[in-house]
Amino acid sequence: MDRHHPVRPAPAASPSVRRAAVLGSPVAHSLSPVLHSAAYAELGLEDWTYERYEVGEEDIASFLGATDEQWAGLSLTMPLKRAVIPHLDDVSPTAESVEAVNTVVFRGRRRIGDNTDIPGMVAALQERGIMGVEHAAVLGAGATASSALAALSQICDGVVTAYVRSDARAREMRAWGDRLGLNLRTAEWADAAEALGAPLVIATTPAGATDVLSAHVPAEPGTLFDVLYDPWPTRLAAQWSAQGGTVVSGLDLLVHQAVLQVELMTGHAPAPLEAMRAAGEAALHARTV
């Protein structure tokens, strides 16, 4: 159930309950409660709950201030990944590398920020046999794009080209590339069709933004990592698959980063990846029927 008012977490019913949640705005679409709840069931964590709360940047400080010892952790989506940082006691090197936190773990009264998007991307690609690439392309320049650059810094030996819509975004992406030690160049969004010839293309744009590119998928495409999962497939992903290319979906990313969140929050490892994936697939299927 979504909580829109108030944004403060409601008191837990029992002192034995451990609590976690996803925060963001909008957050009603999030599959995180499905994935985490499936993990708790598989791990036998009967006293654990995972909810969703509609929380904007102006509300994050009050939400954190109302948490107590029953809280184990939080998943964060937009617009909170950077807004939360001033309210944390510590930030992991991974999250610090892109100034983006998608996970908060409570250790006593300390709030520790981490980023599971980056290792989640690497794990999702490795699951499809993508251990390294000679060069790659990134579509978009938001917070997810910076995580994509961090992931590519671990698996790409050559040039990464980011296709962006403005000079300001291009400057931001070049700064991230320098910070991450990437050989990064930027190109205009008008030339984004050129990106599709790369052995690995990571699309980080909102729904519909890459639809026009579906007409330009090459005859023998490489790997497309499209971070969207609803609606799915995107037009670009559908055409990519039809041409025989490998497609990694946003659900793959969501599951792999959620696995890491469950392990951080509960201390149980490994988390049940297949049970979480099955729950996510079932929930997405239910949305389409």
Protein backbone atom coordinates (compact mmCIF):
# COMPACT_ATOMS: atom_id res chain seq x y z
CA MET A 1 0.00 0.00 0.00
CA ASP A 2 1.37 3.45 -0.90
CA ARG A 3 1.73 6.04 1.84
CA HIS A 4 1.19 9.55 0.52
CA HIS A 5 0.25 11.35 3.77
CA PRO A 6 1.97 11.59 6.13
CA VAL A 7 5.48 10.84 4.90
CA ARG A 8 6.66 9.81 8.38
CA PRO A 9 6.77 6.04 8.85
CA ALA A 10 3.93 4.65 10.95
CA PRO A 11 4.84 2.92 14.23
CA ALA A 12 5.50 -0.80 13.90
CA ALA A 13 2.96 -3.18 15.39
CA SER A 14 5.51 -5.34 17.20
CA PRO A 15 8.98 -4.66 18.63
CA SER A 16 10.22 -7.86 16.93
CA VAL A 17 9.42 -6.57 13.44
CA ARG A 18 12.34 -5.45 11.29
CA ARG A 19 11.38 -2.86 8.75
CA ALA A 20 12.57 -1.73 5.34
CA ALA A 21 11.02 0.31 2.55
CA VAL A 22 11.53 2.02 -0.78
CA LEU A 23 11.25 5.81 -0.85
CA GLY A 24 10.85 8.12 -3.83
CA SER A 25 8.50 10.26 -5.85
CA PRO A 26 6.82 8.80 -7.79
CA VAL A 27 7.11 5.40 -6.16
CA ALA A 28 3.78 3.63 -6.78
CA HIS A 29 5.25 1.75 -9.76
CA SER A 30 8.18 0.29 -7.82
CA LEU A 31 8.63 -3.48 -7.84
CA SER A 32 11.02 -3.36 -4.88
CA PRO A 33 8.37 -4.44 -2.34
CA VAL A 34 7.65 -7.51 -4.48
CA LEU A 35 11.33 -8.47 -4.73
CA HIS A 36 12.27 -7.86 -1.11
CA SER A 37 9.15 -9.56 0.25
CA ALA A 38 9.89 -12.61 -1.91
CA ALA A 39 13.40 -12.70 -0.47
CA TYR A 40 12.11 -12.48 3.11
CA ALA A 41 9.68 -15.35 2.48
CA GLU A 42 12.42 -17.52 0.96
CA LEU A 43 14.83 -16.72 3.82
CA GLY A 44 12.22 -17.39 6.50
CA LEU A 45 12.30 -13.81 7.80
CA GLU A 46 8.70 -13.83 8.96
CA ASP A 47 9.03 -10.69 11.09
CA TRP A 48 10.43 -8.54 8.30
CA THR A 49 8.28 -6.06 6.36
CA TYR A 50 9.01 -3.98 3.29
CA GLU A 51 6.76 -1.11 2.21
CA ARG A 52 6.80 1.89 -0.12
CA TYR A 53 6.49 5.57 0.80
CA GLU A 54 5.99 8.60 -1.39
CA VAL A 55 8.82 10.88 -0.20
CA GLY A 56 10.21 13.94 -1.97
CA GLU A 57 13.45 15.81 -1.40
CA GLU A 58 11.78 18.14 1.09
CA ASP A 59 10.61 15.18 3.20
CA ILE A 60 13.68 12.94 3.41
CA ALA A 61 15.17 14.57 6.52
CA SER A 62 11.93 14.23 8.53
CA PHE A 63 11.45 10.64 7.38
CA LEU A 64 14.93 9.63 8.48
CA GLY A 65 14.46 11.49 11.76
CA ALA A 66 11.36 9.41 12.53
CA THR A 67 13.02 6.00 12.05
CA ASP A 68 13.88 3.90 15.09
CA GLU A 69 15.82 0.74 15.97
CA GLN A 70 13.30 -1.44 14.12
CA TRP A 71 14.47 -0.06 10.77
CA ALA A 72 17.04 -2.14 8.88
CA GLY A 73 17.32 -0.24 5.63
CA LEU A 74 15.88 1.82 2.81
CA SER A 75 15.92 1.61 -0.97
CA LEU A 76 15.94 5.01 -2.69
CA THR A 77 14.74 6.00 -6.12
CA MET A 78 14.53 9.42 -7.74
CA PRO A 79 14.71 12.19 -6.65
CA LEU A 80 16.44 11.06 -3.45
CA LYS A 81 19.68 9.42 -4.60
CA ARG A 82 21.67 12.60 -4.17
CA ALA A 83 19.35 14.53 -1.88
CA VAL A 84 19.83 11.99 0.92
CA ILE A 85 23.63 12.29 1.11
CA PRO A 86 23.80 15.30 3.50
CA HIS A 87 21.63 13.38 5.98
CA LEU A 88 23.88 10.30 6.22
CA ASP A 89 26.67 9.47 8.66
CA ASP A 90 28.82 7.69 6.09
CA VAL A 91 28.84 6.88 2.38
CA SER A 92 30.54 3.89 0.75
CA PRO A 93 33.33 4.45 -1.79
CA THR A 94 31.04 2.99 -4.49
CA ALA A 95 28.28 5.51 -3.79
CA GLU A 96 30.77 8.33 -3.34
CA SER A 97 32.28 7.62 -6.78
CA VAL A 98 29.06 8.79 -8.46
CA GLU A 99 27.55 10.85 -5.62
CA ALA A 100 24.45 8.67 -5.73
CA VAL A 101 22.99 6.54 -2.92
CA ASN A 102 20.25 4.01 -3.66
CA THR A 103 20.59 2.10 -0.38
CA VAL A 104 20.64 3.19 3.26
CA VAL A 105 21.57 0.63 5.91
CA PHE A 106 21.01 1.37 9.59
CA ARG A 107 23.79 0.32 11.96
CA GLY A 108 22.54 1.28 15.39
CA ARG A 109 21.91 5.00 15.11
CA ARG A 110 24.24 5.38 12.13
CA ARG A 111 22.92 5.77 8.60
CA ILE A 112 25.23 4.30 5.97
CA GLY A 113 24.71 5.09 2.30
CA ASP A 114 25.64 2.66 -0.46
CA ASN A 115 25.04 2.13 -4.17
CA THR A 116 23.99 -1.31 -5.42
CA ASP A 117 23.09 -0.08 -8.92
CA ILE A 118 26.73 -0.18 -10.01
CA PRO A 119 27.59 -3.76 -8.95
CA GLY A 120 24.05 -4.74 -9.97
CA MET A 121 24.73 -3.58 -13.52
CA VAL A 122 28.02 -5.47 -13.63
CA ALA A 123 26.37 -8.63 -12.26
CA ALA A 124 23.47 -8.42 -14.75
CA LEU A 125 25.92 -8.15 -17.65
CA GLN A 126 28.13 -10.95 -16.35
CA GLU A 127 25.06 -13.17 -16.07
CA ARG A 128 24.71 -12.78 -19.86
CA GLY A 129 28.39 -13.53 -20.40
CA ILE A 130 29.49 -9.90 -20.81
CA MET A 131 32.74 -9.82 -18.84
CA GLY A 132 34.43 -7.07 -20.83
CA VAL A 133 34.01 -4.93 -23.96
CA GLU A 134 36.39 -2.97 -26.16
CA HIS A 135 34.11 0.06 -26.37
CA ALA A 136 30.58 1.02 -25.38
CA ALA A 137 27.87 3.67 -25.76
CA VAL A 138 25.59 5.26 -23.16
CA LEU A 139 22.27 6.87 -24.08
CA GLY A 140 21.32 9.61 -21.62
CA ALA A 141 23.02 11.64 -18.90
CA GLY A 142 21.05 11.34 -15.65
CA ALA A 143 21.88 9.67 -12.34
CA THR A 144 21.51 6.19 -13.85
CA ALA A 145 23.93 7.17 -16.61
CA SER A 146 26.59 8.05 -14.04
CA SER A 147 26.12 4.59 -12.48
CA ALA A 148 26.44 3.10 -15.96
CA LEU A 149 29.76 4.91 -16.40
CA ALA A 150 30.97 3.53 -13.07
CA ALA A 151 30.01 0.01 -14.15
CA LEU A 152 31.74 0.49 -17.49
CA SER A 153 34.89 1.64 -15.72
CA GLN A 154 35.14 -1.96 -14.48
CA ILE A 155 34.52 -3.79 -17.77
CA CYS A 156 35.37 -1.48 -20.70
CA ASP A 157 38.95 -1.15 -21.90
CA GLY A 158 38.37 1.43 -24.63
CA VAL A 159 36.31 4.49 -25.47
CA VAL A 160 32.86 5.09 -23.99
CA THR A 161 30.65 7.49 -25.95
CA ALA A 162 27.76 9.21 -24.18
CA TYR A 163 24.94 10.63 -26.31
CA VAL A 164 23.33 13.63 -24.60
CA ARG A 165 20.88 16.42 -25.32
CA SER A 166 22.73 19.54 -24.14
CA ASP A 167 26.18 21.04 -23.69
CA ALA A 168 25.60 21.18 -19.93
CA ARG A 169 24.90 17.45 -19.81
CA ALA A 170 27.94 16.79 -21.96
CA ARG A 171 30.14 18.67 -19.51
CA GLU A 172 28.66 16.72 -16.60
CA MET A 173 29.31 13.39 -18.29
CA ARG A 174 32.88 14.33 -19.19
CA ALA A 175 33.46 15.28 -15.54
CA TRP A 176 32.15 11.89 -14.43
CA GLY A 177 34.37 10.19 -16.99
CA ASP A 178 37.43 12.01 -15.66
CA ARG A 179 36.50 11.15 -12.10
CA LEU A 180 36.04 7.47 -12.92
CA GLY A 181 39.15 7.20 -15.09
CA LEU A 182 37.16 6.46 -18.26
CA ASN A 183 38.18 7.31 -21.78
CA LEU A 184 34.90 9.15 -22.35
CA ARG A 185 33.74 11.28 -25.24
CA THR A 186 30.36 12.88 -25.73
CA ALA A 187 28.17 13.20 -28.82
CA GLU A 188 24.91 14.94 -29.65
CA TRP A 189 21.62 13.13 -29.18
CA ALA A 190 20.81 13.79 -32.83
CA ASP A 191 23.55 11.29 -33.68
CA ALA A 192 22.36 8.62 -31.23
CA ALA A 193 21.69 6.11 -34.01
CA GLU A 194 25.46 5.79 -34.31
CA ALA A 195 25.55 4.37 -30.79
CA LEU A 196 23.77 1.19 -31.87
CA GLY A 197 26.87 -0.13 -33.60
CA ALA A 198 28.77 -0.44 -30.31
CA PRO A 199 29.25 -3.94 -28.86
CA LEU A 200 27.48 -2.74 -25.69
CA VAL A 201 24.80 -0.04 -25.57
CA ILE A 202 23.37 1.08 -22.23
CA ALA A 203 20.08 3.00 -22.54
CA THR A 204 19.33 5.07 -19.42
CA THR A 205 16.63 7.33 -20.86
CA PRO A 206 12.93 7.62 -19.87
CA ALA A 207 10.18 5.58 -21.54
CA GLY A 208 9.71 6.46 -25.19
CA ALA A 209 12.98 8.38 -25.58
CA THR A 210 14.65 5.66 -27.65
CA ASP A 211 11.62 4.58 -29.71
CA VAL A 212 12.84 6.44 -32.79
CA LEU A 213 16.12 4.52 -32.66
CA SER A 214 14.40 1.16 -33.19
CA ALA A 215 14.49 1.77 -36.95
CA HIS A 216 18.29 1.94 -36.84
CA VAL A 217 19.17 -1.34 -35.12
CA PRO A 218 22.02 -2.91 -37.12
CA ALA A 219 21.73 -6.25 -38.88
CA GLU A 220 23.99 -7.92 -36.33
CA PRO A 221 23.57 -6.02 -33.05
CA GLY A 222 25.69 -6.61 -29.97
CA THR A 223 24.26 -6.24 -26.45
CA LEU A 224 21.62 -3.73 -25.38
CA PHE A 225 21.18 -2.99 -21.68
CA ASP A 226 17.90 -1.07 -21.40
CA VAL A 227 17.36 -0.01 -17.77
CA LEU A 228 13.57 0.28 -18.15
CA TYR A 229 11.31 -2.55 -17.02
CA ASP A 230 7.81 -1.08 -17.26
CA PRO A 231 6.60 -0.86 -19.97
CA TRP A 232 8.53 -3.80 -21.36
CA PRO A 233 9.81 -4.49 -23.89
CA THR A 234 10.64 -1.03 -25.17
CA ARG A 235 10.42 -0.63 -28.93
CA LEU A 236 14.20 -0.53 -29.11
CA ALA A 237 14.57 -3.70 -27.02
CA ALA A 238 11.94 -5.55 -29.07
CA GLN A 239 13.63 -4.68 -32.35
CA TRP A 240 17.05 -5.49 -30.92
CA SER A 241 15.88 -8.93 -29.88
CA ALA A 242 14.18 -9.48 -33.26
CA GLN A 243 17.51 -8.79 -34.96
CA GLY A 244 19.17 -11.47 -32.84
CA GLY A 245 20.95 -9.20 -30.37
CA THR A 246 21.35 -9.83 -26.64
CA VAL A 247 19.04 -7.76 -24.43
CA VAL A 248 19.54 -7.11 -20.72
CA SER A 249 16.46 -5.55 -19.15
CA GLY A 250 15.75 -3.16 -16.33
CA LEU A 251 14.27 -6.08 -14.41
CA ASP A 252 17.64 -7.82 -14.59
CA LEU A 253 19.22 -4.71 -13.07
CA LEU A 254 16.47 -4.32 -10.48
CA VAL A 255 16.79 -7.92 -9.31
CA HIS A 256 20.58 -7.91 -9.08
CA GLN A 257 20.74 -4.62 -7.19
CA ALA A 258 17.92 -5.79 -4.90
CA VAL A 259 19.82 -9.01 -4.14
CA LEU A 260 22.69 -6.89 -2.86
CA GLN A 261 20.31 -4.70 -0.86
CA VAL A 262 18.75 -7.71 0.83
CA GLU A 263 22.19 -9.01 1.77
CA LEU A 264 23.24 -5.63 3.18
CA MET A 265 20.03 -5.07 5.12
CA THR A 266 19.47 -8.60 6.49
CA GLY A 267 22.98 -10.00 6.74
CA HIS A 268 21.79 -13.14 4.92
CA ALA A 269 23.87 -14.14 1.89
CA PRO A 270 23.40 -15.20 -0.74
CA ALA A 271 19.99 -13.69 -1.24
CA PRO A 272 17.54 -15.84 -3.29
CA LEU A 273 18.05 -14.33 -6.74
CA GLU A 274 15.84 -16.76 -8.67
CA ALA A 275 12.91 -16.44 -6.25
CA MET A 276 13.16 -12.66 -6.47
CA ARG A 277 13.37 -12.73 -10.27
CA ALA A 278 10.32 -15.02 -10.51
CA ALA A 279 8.33 -12.71 -8.24
CA GLY A 280 9.28 -9.69 -10.33
CA GLU A 281 8.38 -11.40 -13.60
CA ALA A 282 5.00 -12.47 -12.18
CA ALA A 283 4.25 -8.94 -10.99
CA LEU A 284 5.12 -7.43 -14.38
CA HIS A 285 2.99 -10.04 -16.14
CA ALA A 286 0.06 -9.19 -13.87
CA ARG A 287 0.32 -5.56 -14.95
CA THR A 288 -0.14 -6.48 -18.60
CA VAL A 289 -3.20 -8.73 -18.31
